[in-house]
């Protein structure tokens, strides 16, 4: 079976390379776009990541190239036109769970960093500045933490915050039994009651710009927002206005709606053309990381293992237990 990998980094090449005796791999640094879809000519499958574009035109090109499987090496599938894939006879698989601990722990790390300003303190001390002015934080104990989405990651984040002595409230349209150990609230209550909100829901039509001008206005003044889900959950322009007014006190972003043009690549020698992203980076109470929440040894190992299992199942004509279907959209 021949598989073309897009958006490849060295760690992808190294980890998936262990299976090169079993498959014929083509490792491409290129992102999958209309301009690069033709590189998959003659390959049975493509393996793609979060910022590859699998629109109908791209999928049509892949189909013409002979591609019958799109293997996502990530959990989210908002970048794939699932309906078009089905119509073209292209199966789509994903990695629904690799190491939910990785993302949950990264969300907590971002919260602690923003609150106690350890990143700023680190830079000060290295320059011999031991002044504390400007580094004031707040106790987490007793704060109300709202968790939007109670999948595996959301529940792990809730558990950690409970350990800090926080009051945890959760929202999920389809809460599991495990989620019911916390106080279930509606969206409006989660927005208005929470001192800290962490987003752990998929990006879909119902959650696009979940946090917009209206949502920020309904939220508790000075609250903290953490987004380790998908960039499109937050309207970045509305976030800027909320930061300027003080309605939003702190913002932690591991994802950004227009990240595909910048994240995962070294941009230090060029000029970033995204004015919204650059404006966000000027706020002292904003912390941005480059979609690294998943980036642990355990998580990468899980991604590789599940992706290879998906390839094997497809090649053997077995049931694709990790298939993404139109009903999931």
C-alpha atoms as a PDB file:
ATOM      1  CA  UNK A   1       0.000   0.000   0.000  1.00  0.00           C
ATOM      2  CA  UNK A   2       1.333   3.414  -0.980  1.00  0.00           C
ATOM      3  CA  UNK A   3       0.719   6.372   1.356  1.00  0.00           C
ATOM      4  CA  UNK A   4       1.561  10.027   0.719  1.00  0.00           C
ATOM      5  CA  UNK A   5       2.115  12.037   3.900  1.00  0.00           C
ATOM      6  CA  UNK A   6       1.556  15.788   3.879  1.00  0.00           C
ATOM      7  CA  UNK A   7       2.755  18.456   6.366  1.00  0.00           C
ATOM      8  CA  UNK A   8       5.542  16.164   7.524  1.00  0.00           C
ATOM      9  CA  UNK A   9       7.945  17.113  10.302  1.00  0.00           C
ATOM     10  CA  UNK A  10      11.093  15.240  11.292  1.00  0.00           C
ATOM     11  CA  UNK A  11       9.327  13.488  14.155  1.00  0.00           C
ATOM     12  CA  UNK A  12       6.665  12.211  11.722  1.00  0.00           C
ATOM     13  CA  UNK A  13       9.323  10.881   9.389  1.00  0.00           C
ATOM     14  CA  UNK A  14      11.156   9.180  12.238  1.00  0.00           C
ATOM     15  CA  UNK A  15       8.138   7.588  13.921  1.00  0.00           C
ATOM     16  CA  UNK A  16       6.231   6.488  10.820  1.00  0.00           C
ATOM     17  CA  UNK A  17       9.491   5.458   9.166  1.00  0.00           C
ATOM     18  CA  UNK A  18       9.557   2.426  11.461  1.00  0.00           C
ATOM     19  CA  UNK A  19       6.753   0.992   9.294  1.00  0.00           C
ATOM     20  CA  UNK A  20       8.452   1.666   5.956  1.00  0.00           C
ATOM     21  CA  UNK A  21       9.071  -2.050   5.418  1.00  0.00           C
ATOM     22  CA  UNK A  22       5.324  -2.600   5.553  1.00  0.00           C
ATOM     23  CA  UNK A  23       4.251   0.352   3.404  1.00  0.00           C
ATOM     24  CA  UNK A  24       5.643   2.593   0.700  1.00  0.00           C
ATOM     25  CA  UNK A  25       5.643   6.087   2.208  1.00  0.00           C
ATOM     26  CA  UNK A  26       6.141   9.416   0.510  1.00  0.00           C
ATOM     27  CA  UNK A  27       6.974  12.119   3.050  1.00  0.00           C
ATOM     28  CA  UNK A  28       6.111  15.641   1.911  1.00  0.00           C
ATOM     29  CA  UNK A  29       6.749  18.870   3.798  1.00  0.00           C
ATOM     30  CA  UNK A  30       4.055  20.520   1.687  1.00  0.00           C
ATOM     31  CA  UNK A  31       0.632  21.221   3.130  1.00  0.00           C
ATOM     32  CA  UNK A  32      -2.173  19.571   1.190  1.00  0.00           C
ATOM     33  CA  UNK A  33      -3.807  22.178  -1.015  1.00  0.00           C
ATOM     34  CA  UNK A  34      -5.217  22.254  -4.539  1.00  0.00           C
ATOM     35  CA  UNK A  35      -1.714  23.133  -5.731  1.00  0.00           C
ATOM     36  CA  UNK A  36      -0.139  20.070  -4.080  1.00  0.00           C
ATOM     37  CA  UNK A  37      -2.853  17.402  -4.379  1.00  0.00           C
ATOM     38  CA  UNK A  38      -1.282  16.127  -7.602  1.00  0.00           C
ATOM     39  CA  UNK A  39       1.766  14.946  -5.657  1.00  0.00           C
ATOM     40  CA  UNK A  40      -0.364  12.010  -4.482  1.00  0.00           C
ATOM     41  CA  UNK A  41      -0.669  10.640  -8.032  1.00  0.00           C
ATOM     42  CA  UNK A  42      -0.485   6.840  -7.906  1.00  0.00           C
ATOM     43  CA  UNK A  43      -0.870   6.600  -4.131  1.00  0.00           C
ATOM     44  CA  UNK A  44      -3.625   4.647  -2.404  1.00  0.00           C
ATOM     45  CA  UNK A  45      -3.938   6.933   0.607  1.00  0.00           C
ATOM     46  CA  UNK A  46      -2.941  10.309   1.964  1.00  0.00           C
ATOM     47  CA  UNK A  47      -2.069  10.922   5.592  1.00  0.00           C
ATOM     48  CA  UNK A  48      -2.784  14.495   6.665  1.00  0.00           C
ATOM     49  CA  UNK A  49      -2.698  16.799   9.669  1.00  0.00           C
ATOM     50  CA  UNK A  50      -4.827  19.575  11.159  1.00  0.00           C
ATOM     51  CA  UNK A  51      -4.016  22.374   8.720  1.00  0.00           C
ATOM     52  CA  UNK A  52      -4.216  20.429   5.482  1.00  0.00           C
ATOM     53  CA  UNK A  53      -7.173  21.416   3.304  1.00  0.00           C
ATOM     54  CA  UNK A  54      -9.480  18.646   2.106  1.00  0.00           C
ATOM     55  CA  UNK A  55     -12.172  20.646   0.367  1.00  0.00           C
ATOM     56  CA  UNK A  56     -14.328  19.163  -2.385  1.00  0.00           C
ATOM     57  CA  UNK A  57     -11.967  20.379  -5.179  1.00  0.00           C
ATOM     58  CA  UNK A  58      -8.956  18.875  -3.362  1.00  0.00           C
ATOM     59  CA  UNK A  59     -10.776  15.591  -2.770  1.00  0.00           C
ATOM     60  CA  UNK A  60     -11.806  15.477  -6.426  1.00  0.00           C
ATOM     61  CA  UNK A  61      -8.157  15.826  -7.415  1.00  0.00           C
ATOM     62  CA  UNK A  62      -7.139  13.123  -4.955  1.00  0.00           C
ATOM     63  CA  UNK A  63      -9.805  10.815  -6.363  1.00  0.00           C
ATOM     64  CA  UNK A  64      -8.463  11.376  -9.874  1.00  0.00           C
ATOM     65  CA  UNK A  65      -5.003  10.486  -8.531  1.00  0.00           C
ATOM     66  CA  UNK A  66      -6.331   7.129  -7.291  1.00  0.00           C
ATOM     67  CA  UNK A  67      -6.555   7.961  -3.592  1.00  0.00           C
ATOM     68  CA  UNK A  68      -9.140   5.884  -1.726  1.00  0.00           C
ATOM     69  CA  UNK A  69      -8.333   6.778   1.890  1.00  0.00           C
ATOM     70  CA  UNK A  70      -7.702   9.950   3.850  1.00  0.00           C
ATOM     71  CA  UNK A  71      -5.995   9.036   7.119  1.00  0.00           C
ATOM     72  CA  UNK A  72      -6.087  11.953   9.539  1.00  0.00           C
ATOM     73  CA  UNK A  73      -3.315  11.781  12.121  1.00  0.00           C
ATOM     74  CA  UNK A  74      -5.347  13.940  14.500  1.00  0.00           C
ATOM     75  CA  UNK A  75      -8.718  13.894  16.239  1.00  0.00           C
ATOM     76  CA  UNK A  76     -10.418  16.856  14.572  1.00  0.00           C
ATOM     77  CA  UNK A  77     -11.893  16.577  11.075  1.00  0.00           C
ATOM     78  CA  UNK A  78     -13.286  20.062  10.488  1.00  0.00           C
ATOM     79  CA  UNK A  79     -10.812  20.509   7.611  1.00  0.00           C
ATOM     80  CA  UNK A  80     -12.393  17.678   5.597  1.00  0.00           C
ATOM     81  CA  UNK A  81     -15.515  17.847   3.437  1.00  0.00           C
ATOM     82  CA  UNK A  82     -16.880  14.536   4.710  1.00  0.00           C
ATOM     83  CA  UNK A  83     -19.936  14.584   2.435  1.00  0.00           C
ATOM     84  CA  UNK A  84     -17.779  15.104  -0.661  1.00  0.00           C
ATOM     85  CA  UNK A  85     -15.421  12.316   0.444  1.00  0.00           C
ATOM     86  CA  UNK A  86     -18.300   9.856   0.732  1.00  0.00           C
ATOM     87  CA  UNK A  87     -19.688  10.840  -2.665  1.00  0.00           C
ATOM     88  CA  UNK A  88     -16.252  10.287  -4.204  1.00  0.00           C
ATOM     89  CA  UNK A  89     -15.803   6.911  -2.511  1.00  0.00           C
ATOM     90  CA  UNK A  90     -12.941   8.087  -0.319  1.00  0.00           C
ATOM     91  CA  UNK A  91     -12.886   6.719   3.218  1.00  0.00           C
ATOM     92  CA  UNK A  92     -11.819   9.044   6.036  1.00  0.00           C
ATOM     93  CA  UNK A  93     -10.305   7.871   9.316  1.00  0.00           C
ATOM     94  CA  UNK A  94      -9.001   9.769  12.305  1.00  0.00           C
ATOM     95  CA  UNK A  95      -7.289   9.329  15.667  1.00  0.00           C
ATOM     96  CA  UNK A  96     -10.131   9.938  18.133  1.00  0.00           C
ATOM     97  CA  UNK A  97      -7.961   9.590  21.242  1.00  0.00           C
ATOM     98  CA  UNK A  98      -4.197   9.425  21.608  1.00  0.00           C
ATOM     99  CA  UNK A  99      -3.213  11.040  24.896  1.00  0.00           C
ATOM    100  CA  UNK A 100      -5.993  13.271  26.205  1.00  0.00           C
ATOM    101  CA  UNK A 101      -3.737  13.940  29.191  1.00  0.00           C
ATOM    102  CA  UNK A 102      -1.350  15.848  26.934  1.00  0.00           C
ATOM    103  CA  UNK A 103      -3.907  18.470  25.883  1.00  0.00           C
ATOM    104  CA  UNK A 104      -5.564  18.736  29.302  1.00  0.00           C
ATOM    105  CA  UNK A 105      -2.208  19.245  31.008  1.00  0.00           C
ATOM    106  CA  UNK A 106      -1.177  21.841  28.428  1.00  0.00           C
ATOM    107  CA  UNK A 107      -4.374  23.786  29.110  1.00  0.00           C
ATOM    108  CA  UNK A 108      -3.506  23.800  32.821  1.00  0.00           C
ATOM    109  CA  UNK A 109       0.081  24.825  32.051  1.00  0.00           C
ATOM    110  CA  UNK A 110      -1.147  27.792  30.019  1.00  0.00           C
ATOM    111  CA  UNK A 111      -3.532  28.809  32.806  1.00  0.00           C
ATOM    112  CA  UNK A 112      -0.797  28.702  35.451  1.00  0.00           C
ATOM    113  CA  UNK A 113       1.649  30.549  33.235  1.00  0.00           C
ATOM    114  CA  UNK A 114      -0.802  33.346  32.466  1.00  0.00           C
ATOM    115  CA  UNK A 115      -1.959  33.661  36.055  1.00  0.00           C
ATOM    116  CA  UNK A 116       1.409  33.600  37.847  1.00  0.00           C
ATOM    117  CA  UNK A 117       3.288  35.132  34.888  1.00  0.00           C
ATOM    118  CA  UNK A 118       6.175  32.701  35.169  1.00  0.00           C
ATOM    119  CA  UNK A 119       7.182  33.370  31.554  1.00  0.00           C
ATOM    120  CA  UNK A 120       7.694  37.048  32.346  1.00  0.00           C
ATOM    121  CA  UNK A 121       9.429  36.286  35.625  1.00  0.00           C
ATOM    122  CA  UNK A 122      11.830  33.917  33.854  1.00  0.00           C
ATOM    123  CA  UNK A 123      12.903  36.620  31.406  1.00  0.00           C
ATOM    124  CA  UNK A 124      13.263  39.220  34.172  1.00  0.00           C
ATOM    125  CA  UNK A 125      15.437  37.064  36.399  1.00  0.00           C
ATOM    126  CA  UNK A 126      17.762  36.151  33.526  1.00  0.00           C
ATOM    127  CA  UNK A 127      18.403  39.884  33.168  1.00  0.00           C
ATOM    128  CA  UNK A 128      19.001  40.297  36.888  1.00  0.00           C
ATOM    129  CA  UNK A 129      15.626  41.923  37.544  1.00  0.00           C
ATOM    130  CA  UNK A 130      13.992  40.435  40.643  1.00  0.00           C
ATOM    131  CA  UNK A 131      11.206  43.005  40.971  1.00  0.00           C
ATOM    132  CA  UNK A 132       7.716  41.591  41.564  1.00  0.00           C
ATOM    133  CA  UNK A 133       5.733  44.542  40.266  1.00  0.00           C
ATOM    134  CA  UNK A 134       3.473  43.431  37.420  1.00  0.00           C
ATOM    135  CA  UNK A 135       3.579  39.745  38.366  1.00  0.00           C
ATOM    136  CA  UNK A 136       0.540  39.678  40.643  1.00  0.00           C
ATOM    137  CA  UNK A 137      -1.664  36.608  40.178  1.00  0.00           C
ATOM    138  CA  UNK A 138      -4.669  35.084  41.910  1.00  0.00           C
ATOM    139  CA  UNK A 139      -5.408  31.911  43.887  1.00  0.00           C
ATOM    140  CA  UNK A 140      -7.128  29.205  41.910  1.00  0.00           C
ATOM    141  CA  UNK A 141      -8.776  27.660  44.951  1.00  0.00           C
ATOM    142  CA  UNK A 142     -12.437  28.616  45.159  1.00  0.00           C
ATOM    143  CA  UNK A 143     -12.620  29.914  41.587  1.00  0.00           C
ATOM    144  CA  UNK A 144     -15.415  28.705  39.315  1.00  0.00           C
ATOM    145  CA  UNK A 145     -14.041  26.859  36.302  1.00  0.00           C
ATOM    146  CA  UNK A 146     -16.340  26.253  33.352  1.00  0.00           C
ATOM    147  CA  UNK A 147     -15.504  23.318  31.087  1.00  0.00           C
ATOM    148  CA  UNK A 148     -17.200  23.504  27.693  1.00  0.00           C
ATOM    149  CA  UNK A 149     -17.254  19.960  26.332  1.00  0.00           C
ATOM    150  CA  UNK A 150     -16.853  16.839  28.450  1.00  0.00           C
ATOM    151  CA  UNK A 151     -15.073  14.388  26.219  1.00  0.00           C
ATOM    152  CA  UNK A 152     -11.936  12.713  27.515  1.00  0.00           C
ATOM    153  CA  UNK A 153      -9.853  15.888  27.438  1.00  0.00           C
ATOM    154  CA  UNK A 154     -12.510  18.059  29.057  1.00  0.00           C
ATOM    155  CA  UNK A 155     -13.082  15.565  31.847  1.00  0.00           C
ATOM    156  CA  UNK A 156      -9.365  15.266  32.562  1.00  0.00           C
ATOM    157  CA  UNK A 157      -9.068  19.048  32.700  1.00  0.00           C
ATOM    158  CA  UNK A 158     -12.055  19.178  35.062  1.00  0.00           C
ATOM    159  CA  UNK A 159     -10.467  16.556  37.309  1.00  0.00           C
ATOM    160  CA  UNK A 160      -7.204  18.512  37.512  1.00  0.00           C
ATOM    161  CA  UNK A 161      -8.982  21.763  38.326  1.00  0.00           C
ATOM    162  CA  UNK A 162     -11.044  19.998  40.982  1.00  0.00           C
ATOM    163  CA  UNK A 163      -7.728  19.027  42.530  1.00  0.00           C
ATOM    164  CA  UNK A 164      -6.797  22.706  42.756  1.00  0.00           C
ATOM    165  CA  UNK A 165      -9.897  23.265  44.885  1.00  0.00           C
ATOM    166  CA  UNK A 166     -11.926  24.924  42.154  1.00  0.00           C
ATOM    167  CA  UNK A 167     -15.680  24.681  41.733  1.00  0.00           C
ATOM    168  CA  UNK A 168     -16.094  22.954  38.376  1.00  0.00           C
ATOM    169  CA  UNK A 169     -19.180  23.442  36.229  1.00  0.00           C
ATOM    170  CA  UNK A 170     -19.620  21.789  32.840  1.00  0.00           C
ATOM    171  CA  UNK A 171     -21.675  22.131  29.692  1.00  0.00           C
ATOM    172  CA  UNK A 172     -22.220  19.395  27.145  1.00  0.00           C
ATOM    173  CA  UNK A 173     -25.331  18.792  25.023  1.00  0.00           C
ATOM    174  CA  UNK A 174     -24.818  15.055  25.529  1.00  0.00           C
ATOM    175  CA  UNK A 175     -23.138  14.636  28.935  1.00  0.00           C
ATOM    176  CA  UNK A 176     -21.753  11.254  29.898  1.00  0.00           C
ATOM    177  CA  UNK A 177     -22.386   9.653  33.268  1.00  0.00           C
ATOM    178  CA  UNK A 178     -18.869  10.695  34.303  1.00  0.00           C
ATOM    179  CA  UNK A 179     -19.640  14.311  33.455  1.00  0.00           C
ATOM    180  CA  UNK A 180     -22.616  14.245  35.813  1.00  0.00           C
ATOM    181  CA  UNK A 181     -20.326  14.178  38.851  1.00  0.00           C
ATOM    182  CA  UNK A 182     -19.876  17.895  38.170  1.00  0.00           C
ATOM    183  CA  UNK A 183     -22.578  20.544  38.159  1.00  0.00           C
ATOM    184  CA  UNK A 184     -24.197  20.535  34.731  1.00  0.00           C
ATOM    185  CA  UNK A 185     -25.263  23.983  33.525  1.00  0.00           C
ATOM    186  CA  UNK A 186     -26.576  25.509  30.333  1.00  0.00           C
ATOM    187  CA  UNK A 187     -24.395  27.624  28.045  1.00  0.00           C
ATOM    188  CA  UNK A 188     -25.592  30.939  29.402  1.00  0.00           C
ATOM    189  CA  UNK A 189     -24.824  29.934  32.998  1.00  0.00           C
ATOM    190  CA  UNK A 190     -21.375  28.656  32.090  1.00  0.00           C
ATOM    191  CA  UNK A 191     -20.550  31.940  30.367  1.00  0.00           C
ATOM    192  CA  UNK A 192     -21.870  34.148  33.176  1.00  0.00           C
ATOM    193  CA  UNK A 193     -20.689  32.196  36.224  1.00  0.00           C
ATOM    194  CA  UNK A 194     -17.176  31.138  35.269  1.00  0.00           C
ATOM    195  CA  UNK A 195     -14.000  32.868  36.395  1.00  0.00           C
ATOM    196  CA  UNK A 196     -12.121  30.566  34.032  1.00  0.00           C
ATOM    197  CA  UNK A 197     -13.473  28.879  30.891  1.00  0.00           C
ATOM    198  CA  UNK A 198     -11.673  26.107  29.014  1.00  0.00           C
ATOM    199  CA  UNK A 199     -12.914  24.991  25.593  1.00  0.00           C
ATOM    200  CA  UNK A 200     -12.829  21.271  24.821  1.00  0.00           C
ATOM    201  CA  UNK A 201     -15.490  20.852  22.140  1.00  0.00           C
ATOM    202  CA  UNK A 202     -15.178  20.066  18.426  1.00  0.00           C
ATOM    203  CA  UNK A 203     -15.420  22.807  15.827  1.00  0.00           C
ATOM    204  CA  UNK A 204     -18.679  22.533  13.905  1.00  0.00           C
ATOM    205  CA  UNK A 205     -21.437  24.765  12.658  1.00  0.00           C
ATOM    206  CA  UNK A 206     -22.948  25.077  16.148  1.00  0.00           C
ATOM    207  CA  UNK A 207     -19.657  25.980  17.842  1.00  0.00           C
ATOM    208  CA  UNK A 208     -18.087  28.234  15.210  1.00  0.00           C
ATOM    209  CA  UNK A 209     -17.213  31.529  16.939  1.00  0.00           C
ATOM    210  CA  UNK A 210     -18.702  30.193  20.135  1.00  0.00           C
ATOM    211  CA  UNK A 211     -17.012  33.151  21.775  1.00  0.00           C
ATOM    212  CA  UNK A 212     -18.020  36.234  19.839  1.00  0.00           C
ATOM    213  CA  UNK A 213     -18.914  39.800  20.792  1.00  0.00           C
ATOM    214  CA  UNK A 214     -22.210  38.696  22.333  1.00  0.00           C
ATOM    215  CA  UNK A 215     -20.695  35.842  24.348  1.00  0.00           C
ATOM    216  CA  UNK A 216     -17.897  37.998  25.720  1.00  0.00           C
ATOM    217  CA  UNK A 217     -20.486  40.561  26.849  1.00  0.00           C
ATOM    218  CA  UNK A 218     -22.402  37.857  28.744  1.00  0.00           C
ATOM    219  CA  UNK A 219     -19.308  36.603  30.525  1.00  0.00           C
ATOM    220  CA  UNK A 220     -17.999  37.548  33.947  1.00  0.00           C
ATOM    221  CA  UNK A 221     -15.846  40.673  33.706  1.00  0.00           C
ATOM    222  CA  UNK A 222     -12.130  39.903  33.785  1.00  0.00           C
ATOM    223  CA  UNK A 223     -12.548  36.153  33.210  1.00  0.00           C
ATOM    224  CA  UNK A 224      -9.875  33.861  31.782  1.00  0.00           C
ATOM    225  CA  UNK A 225     -10.436  31.995  28.498  1.00  0.00           C
ATOM    226  CA  UNK A 226      -8.374  28.963  27.466  1.00  0.00           C
ATOM    227  CA  UNK A 227      -8.665  27.466  23.998  1.00  0.00           C
ATOM    228  CA  UNK A 228      -6.811  24.246  23.217  1.00  0.00           C
ATOM    229  CA  UNK A 229      -9.568  22.969  20.903  1.00  0.00           C
ATOM    230  CA  UNK A 230      -9.809  24.629  17.497  1.00  0.00           C
ATOM    231  CA  UNK A 231      -9.084  28.221  16.567  1.00  0.00           C
ATOM    232  CA  UNK A 232     -12.503  28.804  15.032  1.00  0.00           C
ATOM    233  CA  UNK A 233     -14.173  28.453  18.424  1.00  0.00           C
ATOM    234  CA  UNK A 234     -13.091  32.027  19.221  1.00  0.00           C
ATOM    235  CA  UNK A 235     -13.675  35.149  17.154  1.00  0.00           C
ATOM    236  CA  UNK A 236     -10.208  36.657  17.509  1.00  0.00           C
ATOM    237  CA  UNK A 237     -11.318  40.172  16.572  1.00  0.00           C
ATOM    238  CA  UNK A 238     -14.013  40.086  19.244  1.00  0.00           C
ATOM    239  CA  UNK A 239     -11.416  38.799  21.712  1.00  0.00           C
ATOM    240  CA  UNK A 240      -9.213  41.804  20.998  1.00  0.00           C
ATOM    241  CA  UNK A 241     -12.058  44.204  21.779  1.00  0.00           C
ATOM    242  CA  UNK A 242     -12.876  42.275  24.965  1.00  0.00           C
ATOM    243  CA  UNK A 243      -9.216  42.460  26.033  1.00  0.00           C
ATOM    244  CA  UNK A 244      -9.099  46.199  25.369  1.00  0.00           C
ATOM    245  CA  UNK A 245     -12.208  46.808  27.478  1.00  0.00           C
ATOM    246  CA  UNK A 246     -11.082  44.511  30.298  1.00  0.00           C
ATOM    247  CA  UNK A 247     -14.102  42.251  29.827  1.00  0.00           C
ATOM    248  CA  UNK A 248     -11.632  39.462  29.020  1.00  0.00           C
ATOM    249  CA  UNK A 249      -8.903  39.401  31.643  1.00  0.00           C
ATOM    250  CA  UNK A 250      -6.626  36.677  30.276  1.00  0.00           C
ATOM    251  CA  UNK A 251      -6.529  34.712  27.038  1.00  0.00           C
ATOM    252  CA  UNK A 252      -4.608  31.475  26.430  1.00  0.00           C
ATOM    253  CA  UNK A 253      -4.565  30.183  22.843  1.00  0.00           C
ATOM    254  CA  UNK A 254      -2.877  27.040  21.619  1.00  0.00           C
ATOM    255  CA  UNK A 255      -4.881  27.329  18.407  1.00  0.00           C
ATOM    256  CA  UNK A 256      -5.832  30.162  16.086  1.00  0.00           C
ATOM    257  CA  UNK A 257      -8.432  30.322  13.337  1.00  0.00           C
ATOM    258  CA  UNK A 258      -5.952  31.337  10.624  1.00  0.00           C
ATOM    259  CA  UNK A 259      -3.060  29.300  11.994  1.00  0.00           C
ATOM    260  CA  UNK A 260      -2.570  27.202   8.852  1.00  0.00           C
ATOM    261  CA  UNK A 261      -0.419  29.911   7.279  1.00  0.00           C
ATOM    262  CA  UNK A 262       1.926  30.169  10.265  1.00  0.00           C
ATOM    263  CA  UNK A 263       1.818  27.400  12.857  1.00  0.00           C
ATOM    264  CA  UNK A 264       4.253  24.441  12.732  1.00  0.00           C
ATOM    265  CA  UNK A 265       6.778  26.455  10.708  1.00  0.00           C
ATOM    266  CA  UNK A 266       9.594  28.850  11.590  1.00  0.00           C
ATOM    267  CA  UNK A 267       8.351  32.365  10.788  1.00  0.00           C
ATOM    268  CA  UNK A 268      11.145  34.214  12.619  1.00  0.00           C
ATOM    269  CA  UNK A 269      12.957  35.426   9.512  1.00  0.00           C
ATOM    270  CA  UNK A 270       9.885  36.759   7.739  1.00  0.00           C
ATOM    271  CA  UNK A 271       7.088  39.240   8.294  1.00  0.00           C
ATOM    272  CA  UNK A 272       3.842  37.873   9.695  1.00  0.00           C
ATOM    273  CA  UNK A 273       1.096  39.411   7.587  1.00  0.00           C
ATOM    274  CA  UNK A 274      -1.797  38.523   9.911  1.00  0.00           C
ATOM    275  CA  UNK A 275      -2.630  41.788  11.683  1.00  0.00           C
ATOM    276  CA  UNK A 276      -5.056  40.119  14.092  1.00  0.00           C
ATOM    277  CA  UNK A 277      -2.480  37.593  15.267  1.00  0.00           C
ATOM    278  CA  UNK A 278       0.162  40.305  15.657  1.00  0.00           C
ATOM    279  CA  UNK A 279      -2.250  42.473  17.657  1.00  0.00           C
ATOM    280  CA  UNK A 280      -3.009  39.594  20.001  1.00  0.00           C
ATOM    281  CA  UNK A 281       0.703  39.094  20.573  1.00  0.00           C
ATOM    282  CA  UNK A 282       1.050  42.654  21.884  1.00  0.00           C
ATOM    283  CA  UNK A 283      -1.131  42.008  24.961  1.00  0.00           C
ATOM    284  CA  UNK A 284       0.753  41.121  28.137  1.00  0.00           C
ATOM    285  CA  UNK A 285      -2.240  39.076  29.301  1.00  0.00           C
ATOM    286  CA  UNK A 286      -2.367  36.871  26.201  1.00  0.00           C
ATOM    287  CA  UNK A 287      -0.384  33.645  25.867  1.00  0.00           C
ATOM    288  CA  UNK A 288      -0.123  31.954  22.470  1.00  0.00           C
ATOM    289  CA  UNK A 289       1.502  28.611  21.780  1.00  0.00           C
ATOM    290  CA  UNK A 290       1.779  27.038  18.348  1.00  0.00           C
ATOM    291  CA  UNK A 291      -0.657  24.126  18.576  1.00  0.00           C
ATOM    292  CA  UNK A 292       1.648  22.121  20.826  1.00  0.00           C
ATOM    293  CA  UNK A 293      -0.960  20.749  23.220  1.00  0.00           C
ATOM    294  CA  UNK A 294      -0.723  17.283  21.657  1.00  0.00           C
ATOM    295  CA  UNK A 295       3.083  17.285  21.572  1.00  0.00           C
ATOM    296  CA  UNK A 296       4.216  14.658  24.079  1.00  0.00           C
ATOM    297  CA  UNK A 297       6.027  11.373  23.502  1.00  0.00           C
ATOM    298  CA  UNK A 298       2.988   9.443  24.644  1.00  0.00           C
ATOM    299  CA  UNK A 299       0.608  11.342  22.384  1.00  0.00           C
ATOM    300  CA  UNK A 300       2.800  11.010  19.302  1.00  0.00           C
ATOM    301  CA  UNK A 301       3.150   7.287  19.943  1.00  0.00           C
ATOM    302  CA  UNK A 302      -0.624   6.957  20.178  1.00  0.00           C
ATOM    303  CA  UNK A 303      -1.151   8.921  16.967  1.00  0.00           C
ATOM    304  CA  UNK A 304       1.258   6.725  15.022  1.00  0.00           C
ATOM    305  CA  UNK A 305      -0.156   3.491  16.439  1.00  0.00           C
ATOM    306  CA  UNK A 306      -3.789   4.346  15.680  1.00  0.00           C
ATOM    307  CA  UNK A 307      -2.996   5.751  12.219  1.00  0.00           C
ATOM    308  CA  UNK A 308      -1.161   2.569  11.253  1.00  0.00           C
ATOM    309  CA  UNK A 309      -4.053   0.486  12.605  1.00  0.00           C
ATOM    310  CA  UNK A 310      -6.398   2.511  10.388  1.00  0.00           C
ATOM    311  CA  UNK A 311      -4.171   1.870   7.352  1.00  0.00           C
ATOM    312  CA  UNK A 312      -4.019  -1.863   8.085  1.00  0.00           C
ATOM    313  CA  UNK A 313      -7.785  -2.131   8.521  1.00  0.00           C
ATOM    314  CA  UNK A 314      -8.409  -0.329   5.229  1.00  0.00           C
ATOM    315  CA  UNK A 315      -5.890  -2.469   3.342  1.00  0.00           C
ATOM    316  CA  UNK A 316      -7.406  -5.657   4.759  1.00  0.00           C
ATOM    317  CA  UNK A 317     -10.948  -4.550   3.948  1.00  0.00           C
ATOM    318  CA  UNK A 318     -11.944  -4.660   7.609  1.00  0.00           C
ATOM    319  CA  UNK A 319     -14.364  -2.380   9.421  1.00  0.00           C
ATOM    320  CA  UNK A 320     -12.903   1.106   9.925  1.00  0.00           C
ATOM    321  CA  UNK A 321     -13.657   1.631  13.597  1.00  0.00           C
ATOM    322  CA  UNK A 322     -12.219   5.154  13.450  1.00  0.00           C
ATOM    323  CA  UNK A 323     -14.047   6.179  10.289  1.00  0.00           C
ATOM    324  CA  UNK A 324     -15.564   9.660  10.019  1.00  0.00           C
ATOM    325  CA  UNK A 325     -19.007   9.634   8.419  1.00  0.00           C
ATOM    326  CA  UNK A 326     -21.315  12.450   7.240  1.00  0.00           C
ATOM    327  CA  UNK A 327     -23.524  11.795  10.256  1.00  0.00           C
ATOM    328  CA  UNK A 328     -20.617  12.977  12.445  1.00  0.00           C
ATOM    329  CA  UNK A 329     -20.536  16.430  10.843  1.00  0.00           C
END
